[in-house]
PDB file of N, CA and C in Angstrom:
ATOM      1  N   MET A   1       2.413  -7.768  -3.597  1.00  0.00           N
ATOM      2  CA  MET A   1       2.618  -6.677  -4.669  1.00  0.00           C
ATOM      3  C   MET A   1       4.181  -7.083  -3.992  1.00  0.00           C
ATOM      4  N   GLY A   2       4.157  -7.179  -2.477  1.00  0.00           N
ATOM      5  CA  GLY A   2       5.712  -7.269  -1.896  1.00  0.00           C
ATOM      6  C   GLY A   2       6.111  -8.735  -2.272  1.00  0.00           C
ATOM      7  N   LEU A   3       5.530  -9.240  -2.897  1.00  0.00           N
ATOM      8  CA  LEU A   3       5.903 -10.345  -3.762  1.00  0.00           C
ATOM      9  C   LEU A   3       6.300 -10.610  -5.179  1.00  0.00           C
ATOM     10  N   LEU A   4       5.713 -10.025  -5.966  1.00  0.00           N
ATOM     11  CA  LEU A   4       6.100  -9.724  -6.773  1.00  0.00           C
ATOM     12  C   LEU A   4       7.357  -8.866  -7.098  1.00  0.00           C
ATOM     13  N   PHE A   5       7.510  -7.572  -6.321  1.00  0.00           N
ATOM     14  CA  PHE A   5       8.842  -6.858  -6.271  1.00  0.00           C
ATOM     15  C   PHE A   5       9.644  -7.835  -6.410  1.00  0.00           C
ATOM     16  N   LEU A   6       9.731  -8.951  -5.641  1.00  0.00           N
ATOM     17  CA  LEU A   6      10.973  -9.779  -5.009  1.00  0.00           C
ATOM     18  C   LEU A   6      11.081 -10.837  -5.884  1.00  0.00           C
ATOM     19  N   ALA A   7      10.135 -10.648  -6.891  1.00  0.00           N
ATOM     20  CA  ALA A   7      10.669 -11.887  -8.520  1.00  0.00           C
ATOM     21  C   ALA A   7      11.569 -11.451  -8.443  1.00  0.00           C
ATOM     22  N   PRO A   8      12.798 -12.604  -9.338  1.00  0.00           N
ATOM     23  CA  PRO A   8      13.790 -12.581  -9.638  1.00  0.00           C
ATOM     24  C   PRO A   8      13.745 -11.828 -11.633  1.00  0.00           C
ATOM     25  N   GLN A   9      14.746 -11.133 -11.865  1.00  0.00           N
ATOM     26  CA  GLN A   9      14.739 -10.805 -12.969  1.00  0.00           C
ATOM     27  C   GLN A   9      15.960 -10.692 -13.831  1.00  0.00           C
ATOM     28  N   SER A  10      15.973 -10.119 -15.034  1.00  0.00           N
ATOM     29  CA  SER A  10      17.213 -10.890 -15.430  1.00  0.00           C
ATOM     30  C   SER A  10      18.268  -9.901 -15.389  1.00  0.00           C
ATOM     31  N   ASN A  11      18.860 -10.498 -15.941  1.00  0.00           N
ATOM     32  CA  ASN A  11      20.271  -9.833 -15.587  1.00  0.00           C
ATOM     33  C   ASN A  11      21.402  -9.262 -17.211  1.00  0.00           C
ATOM     34  N   PRO A  12      21.173  -8.562 -17.365  1.00  0.00           N
ATOM     35  CA  PRO A  12      20.874  -6.923 -17.067  1.00  0.00           C
ATOM     36  C   PRO A  12      19.543  -7.277 -17.427  1.00  0.00           C
ATOM     37  N   PRO A  13      19.419  -6.050 -16.181  1.00  0.00           N
ATOM     38  CA  PRO A  13      17.613  -5.443 -16.429  1.00  0.00           C
ATOM     39  C   PRO A  13      17.090  -4.940 -17.665  1.00  0.00           C
ATOM     40  N   HIS A  14      16.299  -5.406 -18.431  1.00  0.00           N
ATOM     41  CA  HIS A  14      15.849  -4.647 -19.540  1.00  0.00           C
ATOM     42  C   HIS A  14      15.907  -2.679 -19.424  1.00  0.00           C
ATOM     43  N   THR A  15      16.295  -2.036 -20.177  1.00  0.00           N
ATOM     44  CA  THR A  15      15.695  -0.597 -19.450  1.00  0.00           C
ATOM     45  C   THR A  15      15.319  -0.098 -21.442  1.00  0.00           C
ATOM     46  N   TYR A  16      14.512   0.874 -20.224  1.00  0.00           N
ATOM     47  CA  TYR A  16      14.062   2.423 -21.481  1.00  0.00           C
ATOM     48  C   TYR A  16      14.797   3.267 -21.440  1.00  0.00           C
ATOM     49  N   PHE A  17      15.247   3.704 -22.730  1.00  0.00           N
ATOM     50  CA  PHE A  17      15.751   4.883 -22.927  1.00  0.00           C
ATOM     51  C   PHE A  17      17.053   4.950 -22.522  1.00  0.00           C
ATOM     52  N   GLY A  18      17.402   3.661 -22.439  1.00  0.00           N
ATOM     53  CA  GLY A  18      19.056   3.681 -21.978  1.00  0.00           C
ATOM     54  C   GLY A  18      19.225   4.181 -20.253  1.00  0.00           C
ATOM     55  N   MET A  19      17.777   4.626 -19.519  1.00  0.00           N
ATOM     56  CA  MET A  19      18.505   3.994 -18.216  1.00  0.00           C
ATOM     57  C   MET A  19      17.173   3.781 -17.362  1.00  0.00           C
ATOM     58  N   ILE A  20      15.613   4.211 -17.687  1.00  0.00           N
ATOM     59  CA  ILE A  20      15.236   3.869 -16.724  1.00  0.00           C
ATOM     60  C   ILE A  20      14.905   2.036 -16.804  1.00  0.00           C
ATOM     61  N   PRO A  21      15.054   1.312 -15.874  1.00  0.00           N
ATOM     62  CA  PRO A  21      14.506  -0.351 -15.581  1.00  0.00           C
ATOM     63  C   PRO A  21      13.187  -0.664 -15.528  1.00  0.00           C
ATOM     64  N   SER A  22      12.933  -1.295 -16.111  1.00  0.00           N
ATOM     65  CA  SER A  22      11.391  -2.252 -17.035  1.00  0.00           C
ATOM     66  C   SER A  22      10.906  -2.471 -15.471  1.00  0.00           C
ATOM     67  N   ARG A  23      11.273  -2.860 -14.428  1.00  0.00           N
ATOM     68  CA  ARG A  23      11.096  -2.878 -13.406  1.00  0.00           C
ATOM     69  C   ARG A  23      10.617  -1.822 -12.329  1.00  0.00           C
ATOM     70  N   SER A  24      10.561  -0.382 -12.629  1.00  0.00           N
ATOM     71  CA  SER A  24      10.796   0.855 -12.115  1.00  0.00           C
ATOM     72  C   SER A  24       9.261   1.247 -12.238  1.00  0.00           C
ATOM     73  N   ILE A  25       8.846   1.116 -13.938  1.00  0.00           N
ATOM     74  CA  ILE A  25       7.879   1.299 -14.039  1.00  0.00           C
ATOM     75  C   ILE A  25       7.038   0.436 -13.910  1.00  0.00           C
ATOM     76  N   LEU A  26       7.156  -1.221 -13.579  1.00  0.00           N
ATOM     77  CA  LEU A  26       6.153  -2.003 -12.883  1.00  0.00           C
ATOM     78  C   LEU A  26       6.068  -1.182 -11.915  1.00  0.00           C
ATOM     79  N   HIS A  27       7.049  -0.991 -10.547  1.00  0.00           N
ATOM     80  CA  HIS A  27       6.965  -0.543  -9.490  1.00  0.00           C
ATOM     81  C   HIS A  27       5.689   0.603  -9.755  1.00  0.00           C
ATOM     82  N   GLY A  28       5.489   1.212 -10.620  1.00  0.00           N
ATOM     83  CA  GLY A  28       4.549   2.365 -10.608  1.00  0.00           C
ATOM     84  C   GLY A  28       3.506   2.249 -11.481  1.00  0.00           C
ATOM     85  N   ILE A  29       3.429   1.284 -11.878  1.00  0.00           N
ATOM     86  CA  ILE A  29       1.699   1.017 -12.043  1.00  0.00           C
ATOM     87  C   ILE A  29       1.391   0.627 -10.974  1.00  0.00           C
ATOM     88  N   MET A  30       1.664  -0.465 -10.122  1.00  0.00           N
ATOM     89  CA  MET A  30       1.499  -1.429  -9.361  1.00  0.00           C
ATOM     90  C   MET A  30       0.844  -0.110  -7.834  1.00  0.00           C
ATOM     91  N   PHE A  31       1.803   0.738  -7.459  1.00  0.00           N
ATOM     92  CA  PHE A  31       1.393   1.810  -7.109  1.00  0.00           C
ATOM     93  C   PHE A  31       0.551   2.542  -7.331  1.00  0.00           C
ATOM     94  N   LEU A  32       0.202   3.106  -8.597  1.00  0.00           N
ATOM     95  CA  LEU A  32      -0.861   3.622  -8.873  1.00  0.00           C
ATOM     96  C   LEU A  32      -2.604   2.645  -8.660  1.00  0.00           C
ATOM     97  N   GLY A  33      -2.269   1.637  -8.869  1.00  0.00           N
ATOM     98  CA  GLY A  33      -3.265   0.427  -8.464  1.00  0.00           C
ATOM     99  C   GLY A  33      -3.760   0.542  -7.129  1.00  0.00           C
ATOM    100  N   PHE A  34      -2.229   0.551  -6.260  1.00  0.00           N
ATOM    101  CA  PHE A  34      -2.324  -0.196  -4.673  1.00  0.00           C
ATOM    102  C   PHE A  34      -3.442   1.660  -4.209  1.00  0.00           C
ATOM    103  N   VAL A  35      -2.570   2.590  -4.589  1.00  0.00           N
ATOM    104  CA  VAL A  35      -3.057   4.184  -3.923  1.00  0.00           C
ATOM    105  C   VAL A  35      -4.592   4.499  -4.583  1.00  0.00           C
ATOM    106  N   HIS A  36      -5.226   3.975  -5.674  1.00  0.00           N
ATOM    107  CA  HIS A  36      -6.239   4.182  -6.018  1.00  0.00           C
ATOM    108  C   HIS A  36      -7.201   3.244  -5.132  1.00  0.00           C
ATOM    109  N   LEU A  37      -7.187   1.623  -4.888  1.00  0.00           N
ATOM    110  CA  LEU A  37      -8.181   0.767  -4.863  1.00  0.00           C
ATOM    111  C   LEU A  37      -8.084   1.249  -3.086  1.00  0.00           C
ATOM    112  N   TRP A  38      -6.885   1.445  -2.183  1.00  0.00           N
ATOM    113  CA  TRP A  38      -7.119   2.398  -0.840  1.00  0.00           C
ATOM    114  C   TRP A  38      -7.790   3.179  -0.520  1.00  0.00           C
ATOM    115  N   ILE A  39      -7.918   4.035  -1.120  1.00  0.00           N
ATOM    116  CA  ILE A  39      -8.317   5.416  -0.944  1.00  0.00           C
ATOM    117  C   ILE A  39      -9.829   5.407  -1.017  1.00  0.00           C
ATOM    118  N   GLY A  40      -9.990   4.770  -2.015  1.00  0.00           N
ATOM    119  CA  GLY A  40     -11.172   3.991  -2.113  1.00  0.00           C
ATOM    120  C   GLY A  40     -12.090   2.960  -1.096  1.00  0.00           C
ATOM    121  N   ALA A  41     -11.316   2.960  -0.771  1.00  0.00           N
ATOM    122  CA  ALA A  41     -12.229   1.672   1.110  1.00  0.00           C
ATOM    123  C   ALA A  41     -11.888   2.501   1.579  1.00  0.00           C
ATOM    124  N   PHE A  42     -10.863   3.593   2.222  1.00  0.00           N
ATOM    125  CA  PHE A  42     -11.016   4.162   3.108  1.00  0.00           C
ATOM    126  C   PHE A  42     -12.181   5.279   3.207  1.00  0.00           C
ATOM    127  N   LYS A  43     -12.351   5.498   2.204  1.00  0.00           N
ATOM    128  CA  LYS A  43     -13.964   6.537   1.354  1.00  0.00           C
ATOM    129  C   LYS A  43     -14.798   5.804   1.473  1.00  0.00           C
ATOM    130  N   LYS A  44     -14.664   4.757   2.002  1.00  0.00           N
ATOM    131  CA  LYS A  44     -16.313   4.132   2.215  1.00  0.00           C
ATOM    132  C   LYS A  44     -16.333   3.642   3.334  1.00  0.00           C
ATOM    133  N   GLN A  45     -15.342   4.429   4.959  1.00  0.00           N
ATOM    134  CA  GLN A  45     -15.612   3.762   6.325  1.00  0.00           C
ATOM    135  C   GLN A  45     -16.891   4.667   6.612  1.00  0.00           C
ATOM    136  N   LEU A  46     -17.376   3.480   7.092  1.00  0.00           N
ATOM    137  CA  LEU A  46     -18.794   4.409   7.825  1.00  0.00           C
ATOM    138  C   LEU A  46     -18.784   4.790   8.637  1.00  0.00           C
ATOM    139  N   LYS A  47     -18.201   4.005   9.820  1.00  0.00           N
ATOM    140  CA  LYS A  47     -17.932   4.370  11.196  1.00  0.00           C
ATOM    141  C   LYS A  47     -17.156   5.559  12.088  1.00  0.00           C
ATOM    142  N   LEU A  48     -15.512   5.465  10.935  1.00  0.00           N
ATOM    143  CA  LEU A  48     -14.836   6.091  11.287  1.00  0.00           C
ATOM    144  C   LEU A  48     -15.230   7.548  10.152  1.00  0.00           C
ATOM    145  N   GLY A  49     -15.166   8.344  10.609  1.00  0.00           N
ATOM    146  CA  GLY A  49     -15.440   9.904   9.729  1.00  0.00           C
ATOM    147  C   GLY A  49     -14.195  10.800   9.297  1.00  0.00           C
ATOM    148  N   SER A  50     -13.004  10.193  10.443  1.00  0.00           N
ATOM    149  CA  SER A  50     -12.216  11.247  10.364  1.00  0.00           C
ATOM    150  C   SER A  50     -11.253  10.247   9.419  1.00  0.00           C
ATOM    151  N   VAL A  51     -11.184   8.648   9.521  1.00  0.00           N
ATOM    152  CA  VAL A  51     -10.286   8.493   8.021  1.00  0.00           C
ATOM    153  C   VAL A  51     -10.963   8.557   7.171  1.00  0.00           C
ATOM    154  N   ARG A  52     -12.077   8.775   6.315  1.00  0.00           N
ATOM    155  CA  ARG A  52     -12.539   9.095   5.690  1.00  0.00           C
ATOM    156  C   ARG A  52     -12.101  10.549   4.866  1.00  0.00           C
ATOM    157  N   LEU A  53     -11.676  11.823   6.164  1.00  0.00           N
ATOM    158  CA  LEU A  53     -11.844  12.831   5.556  1.00  0.00           C
ATOM    159  C   LEU A  53     -10.098  12.801   5.437  1.00  0.00           C
ATOM    160  N   LYS A  54      -9.596  11.944   5.949  1.00  0.00           N
ATOM    161  CA  LYS A  54      -7.643  11.866   5.621  1.00  0.00           C
ATOM    162  C   LYS A  54      -7.660  10.821   5.147  1.00  0.00           C
ATOM    163  N   ALA A  55      -8.647  10.686   4.049  1.00  0.00           N
ATOM    164  CA  ALA A  55      -8.305   9.021   3.806  1.00  0.00           C
ATOM    165  C   ALA A  55      -6.648   9.489   2.589  1.00  0.00           C
ATOM    166  N   ILE A  56      -6.452  10.510   1.541  1.00  0.00           N
ATOM    167  CA  ILE A  56      -5.958  10.571   0.850  1.00  0.00           C
ATOM    168  C   ILE A  56      -4.299  10.523   1.637  1.00  0.00           C
ATOM    169  N   LYS A  57      -4.104  11.404   2.570  1.00  0.00           N
ATOM    170  CA  LYS A  57      -3.340  11.556   3.342  1.00  0.00           C
ATOM    171  C   LYS A  57      -2.577  10.367   3.695  1.00  0.00           C
ATOM    172  N   ILE A  58      -3.529   9.171   4.803  1.00  0.00           N
ATOM    173  CA  ILE A  58      -2.968   8.360   4.927  1.00  0.00           C
ATOM    174  C   ILE A  58      -2.978   7.466   4.143  1.00  0.00           C
ATOM    175  N   VAL A  59      -3.356   7.080   2.923  1.00  0.00           N
ATOM    176  CA  VAL A  59      -2.839   6.385   1.669  1.00  0.00           C
ATOM    177  C   VAL A  59      -1.567   6.888   1.285  1.00  0.00           C
ATOM    178  N   PHE A  60      -1.497   8.664   0.948  1.00  0.00           N
ATOM    179  CA  PHE A  60      -0.066   8.649   0.513  1.00  0.00           C
ATOM    180  C   PHE A  60       0.850   8.224   1.393  1.00  0.00           C
ATOM    181  N   GLY A  61       1.193   8.842   2.480  1.00  0.00           N
ATOM    182  CA  GLY A  61       1.677   7.978   3.353  1.00  0.00           C
ATOM    183  C   GLY A  61       2.248   6.539   3.893  1.00  0.00           C
ATOM    184  N   ALA A  62       1.538   6.128   3.990  1.00  0.00           N
ATOM    185  CA  ALA A  62       1.623   4.585   3.655  1.00  0.00           C
ATOM    186  C   ALA A  62       2.068   3.682   2.333  1.00  0.00           C
ATOM    187  N   ALA A  63       1.694   5.048   1.171  1.00  0.00           N
ATOM    188  CA  ALA A  63       2.549   3.818  -0.075  1.00  0.00           C
ATOM    189  C   ALA A  63       3.998   4.800   0.118  1.00  0.00           C
ATOM    190  N   PHE A  64       4.300   5.777   0.277  1.00  0.00           N
ATOM    191  CA  PHE A  64       5.461   6.526   0.938  1.00  0.00           C
ATOM    192  C   PHE A  64       6.330   5.405   1.775  1.00  0.00           C
ATOM    193  N   ILE A  65       5.892   5.317   2.771  1.00  0.00           N
ATOM    194  CA  ILE A  65       6.461   3.590   3.671  1.00  0.00           C
ATOM    195  C   ILE A  65       6.864   2.636   3.232  1.00  0.00           C
ATOM    196  N   PHE A  66       5.669   2.238   2.378  1.00  0.00           N
ATOM    197  CA  PHE A  66       5.790   0.776   1.767  1.00  0.00           C
ATOM    198  C   PHE A  66       6.944   0.804   0.621  1.00  0.00           C
ATOM    199  N   ALA A  67       6.959   2.408  -0.262  1.00  0.00           N
ATOM    200  CA  ALA A  67       8.342   2.248  -1.187  1.00  0.00           C
ATOM    201  C   ALA A  67       9.286   2.063  -0.570  1.00  0.00           C
ATOM    202  N   LEU A  68       9.738   2.755   0.496  1.00  0.00           N
ATOM    203  CA  LEU A  68      10.941   2.489   1.259  1.00  0.00           C
ATOM    204  C   LEU A  68      11.199   1.770   1.659  1.00  0.00           C
ATOM    205  N   ILE A  69       9.994   0.729   2.324  1.00  0.00           N
ATOM    206  CA  ILE A  69      10.549  -0.525   3.047  1.00  0.00           C
ATOM    207  C   ILE A  69      10.630  -1.529   1.535  1.00  0.00           C
ATOM    208  N   THR A  70       9.795  -1.555   0.936  1.00  0.00           N
ATOM    209  CA  THR A  70      10.585  -2.408  -0.589  1.00  0.00           C
ATOM    210  C   THR A  70      11.959  -2.451  -0.516  1.00  0.00           C
ATOM    211  N   GLU A  71      12.116  -1.190  -1.237  1.00  0.00           N
ATOM    212  CA  GLU A  71      13.446  -0.772  -1.786  1.00  0.00           C
ATOM    213  C   GLU A  71      14.678  -1.221  -0.287  1.00  0.00           C
ATOM    214  N   LEU A  72      14.421  -1.055   0.706  1.00  0.00           N
ATOM    215  CA  LEU A  72      15.035  -1.667   1.879  1.00  0.00           C
ATOM    216  C   LEU A  72      15.447  -3.070   1.544  1.00  0.00           C
ATOM    217  N   VAL A  73      14.459  -3.261   1.667  1.00  0.00           N
ATOM    218  CA  VAL A  73      14.372  -5.137   1.782  1.00  0.00           C
ATOM    219  C   VAL A  73      14.932  -5.508   0.494  1.00  0.00           C
ATOM    220  N   LEU A  74      14.700  -5.182  -0.572  1.00  0.00           N
ATOM    221  CA  LEU A  74      15.263  -5.602  -1.897  1.00  0.00           C
ATOM    222  C   LEU A  74      16.740  -5.214  -2.072  1.00  0.00           C
ATOM    223  N   TYR A  75      17.274  -4.443  -1.537  1.00  0.00           N
ATOM    224  CA  TYR A  75      18.685  -4.090  -1.367  1.00  0.00           C
ATOM    225  C   TYR A  75      19.507  -5.283  -0.164  1.00  0.00           C
ATOM    226  N   LEU A  76      18.486  -5.019   0.826  1.00  0.00           N
ATOM    227  CA  LEU A  76      18.805  -6.108   2.031  1.00  0.00           C
ATOM    228  C   LEU A  76      18.881  -7.733   1.309  1.00  0.00           C
ATOM    229  N   VAL A  77      18.008  -8.345   0.760  1.00  0.00           N
ATOM    230  CA  VAL A  77      18.191  -9.596   0.458  1.00  0.00           C
ATOM    231  C   VAL A  77      19.187  -9.901  -0.741  1.00  0.00           C
ATOM    232  N   GLY A  78      19.421  -8.781  -1.230  1.00  0.00           N
ATOM    233  CA  GLY A  78      21.116  -8.579  -1.990  1.00  0.00           C
ATOM    234  C   GLY A  78      20.346  -9.022  -3.991  1.00  0.00           C
ATOM    235  N   LEU A  79      18.838  -8.412  -3.895  1.00  0.00           N
ATOM    236  CA  LEU A  79      18.502  -8.344  -5.631  1.00  0.00           C
ATOM    237  C   LEU A  79      18.581  -7.283  -6.378  1.00  0.00           C
ATOM    238  N   ASN A  80      18.929  -6.072  -5.764  1.00  0.00           N
ATOM    239  CA  ASN A  80      19.321  -4.856  -6.147  1.00  0.00           C
ATOM    240  C   ASN A  80      20.659  -4.957  -5.870  1.00  0.00           C
ATOM    241  N   SER A  81      21.840  -4.556  -6.431  1.00  0.00           N
ATOM    242  CA  SER A  81      23.068  -3.893  -5.828  1.00  0.00           C
ATOM    243  C   SER A  81      23.410  -2.647  -5.069  1.00  0.00           C
ATOM    244  N   MET A  82      22.312  -1.856  -5.503  1.00  0.00           N
ATOM    245  CA  MET A  82      22.318  -0.287  -4.744  1.00  0.00           C
ATOM    246  C   MET A  82      20.854   0.193  -4.282  1.00  0.00           C
ATOM    247  N   PHE A  83      20.311   0.361  -3.709  1.00  0.00           N
ATOM    248  CA  PHE A  83      19.468   1.302  -3.587  1.00  0.00           C
ATOM    249  C   PHE A  83      18.533   1.827  -4.774  1.00  0.00           C
ATOM    250  N   SER A  84      17.655   1.489  -5.003  1.00  0.00           N
ATOM    251  CA  SER A  84      17.352   2.076  -6.496  1.00  0.00           C
ATOM    252  C   SER A  84      16.452   3.361  -6.468  1.00  0.00           C
ATOM    253  N   LEU A  85      16.940   4.673  -6.867  1.00  0.00           N
ATOM    254  CA  LEU A  85      16.160   6.052  -7.062  1.00  0.00           C
ATOM    255  C   LEU A  85      15.184   5.646  -8.098  1.00  0.00           C
ATOM    256  N   TRP A  86      15.407   4.782  -8.992  1.00  0.00           N
ATOM    257  CA  TRP A  86      14.352   4.615  -9.681  1.00  0.00           C
ATOM    258  C   TRP A  86      12.962   4.598  -9.602  1.00  0.00           C
ATOM    259  N   ASN A  87      13.245   3.352  -8.910  1.00  0.00           N
ATOM    260  CA  ASN A  87      12.245   2.336  -8.616  1.00  0.00           C
ATOM    261  C   ASN A  87      11.232   3.428  -6.958  1.00  0.00           C
ATOM    262  N   LEU A  88      12.057   3.762  -6.339  1.00  0.00           N
ATOM    263  CA  LEU A  88      11.531   5.004  -5.469  1.00  0.00           C
ATOM    264  C   LEU A  88      10.719   6.006  -6.320  1.00  0.00           C
ATOM    265  N   LEU A  89      11.205   6.725  -7.463  1.00  0.00           N
ATOM    266  CA  LEU A  89      10.750   7.956  -7.743  1.00  0.00           C
ATOM    267  C   LEU A  89       9.993   7.333  -8.613  1.00  0.00           C
ATOM    268  N   PHE A  90       9.614   5.921  -9.257  1.00  0.00           N
ATOM    269  CA  PHE A  90       8.546   5.692  -9.715  1.00  0.00           C
ATOM    270  C   PHE A  90       7.153   5.261  -8.994  1.00  0.00           C
ATOM    271  N   ASP A  91       7.593   4.776  -7.717  1.00  0.00           N
ATOM    272  CA  ASP A  91       6.346   4.319  -6.677  1.00  0.00           C
ATOM    273  C   ASP A  91       6.146   5.618  -6.453  1.00  0.00           C
ATOM    274  N   ILE A  92       6.692   6.967  -6.071  1.00  0.00           N
ATOM    275  CA  ILE A  92       6.198   8.607  -5.912  1.00  0.00           C
ATOM    276  C   ILE A  92       5.345   8.320  -6.612  1.00  0.00           C
ATOM    277  N   VAL A  93       5.653   8.525  -7.870  1.00  0.00           N
ATOM    278  CA  VAL A  93       4.893   9.076  -9.557  1.00  0.00           C
ATOM    279  C   VAL A  93       3.756   8.380  -9.411  1.00  0.00           C
ATOM    280  N   GLY A  94       3.964   7.098  -8.789  1.00  0.00           N
ATOM    281  CA  GLY A  94       2.503   6.247  -9.361  1.00  0.00           C
ATOM    282  C   GLY A  94       1.613   6.398  -8.073  1.00  0.00           C
ATOM    283  N   ALA A  95       2.237   6.645  -6.975  1.00  0.00           N
ATOM    284  CA  ALA A  95       1.167   6.847  -5.768  1.00  0.00           C
ATOM    285  C   ALA A  95       0.455   8.527  -5.760  1.00  0.00           C
ATOM    286  N   ALA A  96       1.524   9.657  -6.651  1.00  0.00           N
ATOM    287  CA  ALA A  96       0.664  10.598  -7.068  1.00  0.00           C
ATOM    288  C   ALA A  96      -0.801  10.458  -8.193  1.00  0.00           C
ATOM    289  N   LEU A  97      -0.562   9.506  -8.927  1.00  0.00           N
ATOM    290  CA  LEU A  97      -0.948   9.736 -10.386  1.00  0.00           C
ATOM    291  C   LEU A  97      -2.463   8.493  -9.623  1.00  0.00           C
ATOM    292  N   GLY A  98      -2.410   7.675  -8.641  1.00  0.00           N
ATOM    293  CA  GLY A  98      -3.208   7.444  -8.390  1.00  0.00           C
ATOM    294  C   GLY A  98      -4.426   8.094  -7.273  1.00  0.00           C
ATOM    295  N   ILE A  99      -3.338   8.968  -6.634  1.00  0.00           N
ATOM    296  CA  ILE A  99      -4.449   9.872  -5.979  1.00  0.00           C
ATOM    297  C   ILE A  99      -5.368  11.208  -7.046  1.00  0.00           C
ATOM    298  N   LEU A 100      -4.296  10.976  -8.156  1.00  0.00           N
ATOM    299  CA  LEU A 100      -5.409  11.913  -9.231  1.00  0.00           C
ATOM    300  C   LEU A 100      -6.026  11.210 -10.170  1.00  0.00           C
ATOM    301  N   THR A 101      -5.982  10.253 -10.207  1.00  0.00           N
ATOM    302  CA  THR A 101      -7.477   9.393 -11.079  1.00  0.00           C
ATOM    303  C   THR A 101      -8.352   9.309  -9.769  1.00  0.00           C
ATOM    304  N   PHE A 102      -8.085   9.217  -8.714  1.00  0.00           N
ATOM    305  CA  PHE A 102      -9.032   8.678  -8.143  1.00  0.00           C
ATOM    306  C   PHE A 102      -9.732  10.206  -8.139  1.00  0.00           C
ATOM    307  N   LYS A 103      -9.417  11.106  -7.484  1.00  0.00           N
ATOM    308  CA  LYS A 103     -10.138  12.489  -7.669  1.00  0.00           C
ATOM    309  C   LYS A 103     -10.439  12.638  -9.236  1.00  0.00           C
ATOM    310  N   LEU A 104     -10.253  12.619  -9.870  1.00  0.00           N
ATOM    311  CA  LEU A 104     -11.201  12.735 -11.305  1.00  0.00           C
ATOM    312  C   LEU A 104     -11.734  12.300 -11.495  1.00  0.00           C
ATOM    313  N   LEU A 105     -12.173  10.478 -11.264  1.00  0.00           N
ATOM    314  CA  LEU A 105     -13.217   9.452 -11.393  1.00  0.00           C
ATOM    315  C   LEU A 105     -14.417   9.688 -10.342  1.00  0.00           C
ATOM    316  N   TYR A 106     -13.683  10.307  -9.181  1.00  0.00           N
ATOM    317  CA  TYR A 106     -14.628   9.749  -7.972  1.00  0.00           C
ATOM    318  C   TYR A 106     -14.978  11.385  -7.601  1.00  0.00           C
ATOM    319  N   GLN A 107     -14.848  12.659  -8.301  1.00  0.00           N
ATOM    320  CA  GLN A 107     -15.283  14.107  -7.723  1.00  0.00           C
ATOM    321  C   GLN A 107     -16.326  14.406  -7.726  1.00  0.00           C
ATOM    322  N   GLN A 108     -17.297  13.580  -7.773  1.00  0.00           N
ATOM    323  CA  GLN A 108     -18.922  13.694  -7.730  1.00  0.00           C
ATOM    324  C   GLN A 108     -19.496  12.880  -6.633  1.00  0.00           C
ATOM    325  N   CYS A 109     -18.769  12.070  -6.620  1.00  0.00           N
ATOM    326  CA  CYS A 109     -19.171  11.160  -5.126  1.00  0.00           C
ATOM    327  C   CYS A 109     -18.551  11.462  -3.920  1.00  0.00           C
ATOM    328  N   TYR A 110     -17.193  12.161  -4.068  1.00  0.00           N
ATOM    329  CA  TYR A 110     -16.998  11.944  -2.473  1.00  0.00           C
ATOM    330  C   TYR A 110     -16.351  13.292  -2.450  1.00  0.00           C
TER     331      TYR A 110
END
């Protein structure tokens, strides 16, 4: 996921509605999948009950930290001329949607 975020982009980047970069939408979709898969992995822990109980908090925190790190790396490497708040916003929205879809799909299981 991190390598895909570092992939080159067209200059100027394609935007939707005149302001949302297409890369930001990709960030949101990838974070949705990331969170959904990792919550499932944490919920299947057999030895660590505390990890199962706190899986959503752990994964959301990890997603938030990962979003900040990827934005800082993109800025420091020079792929973005400024810290992209759109990417960060879509990362957090994607993570929240991942949690919501997990809860909706697996409400009877966990």
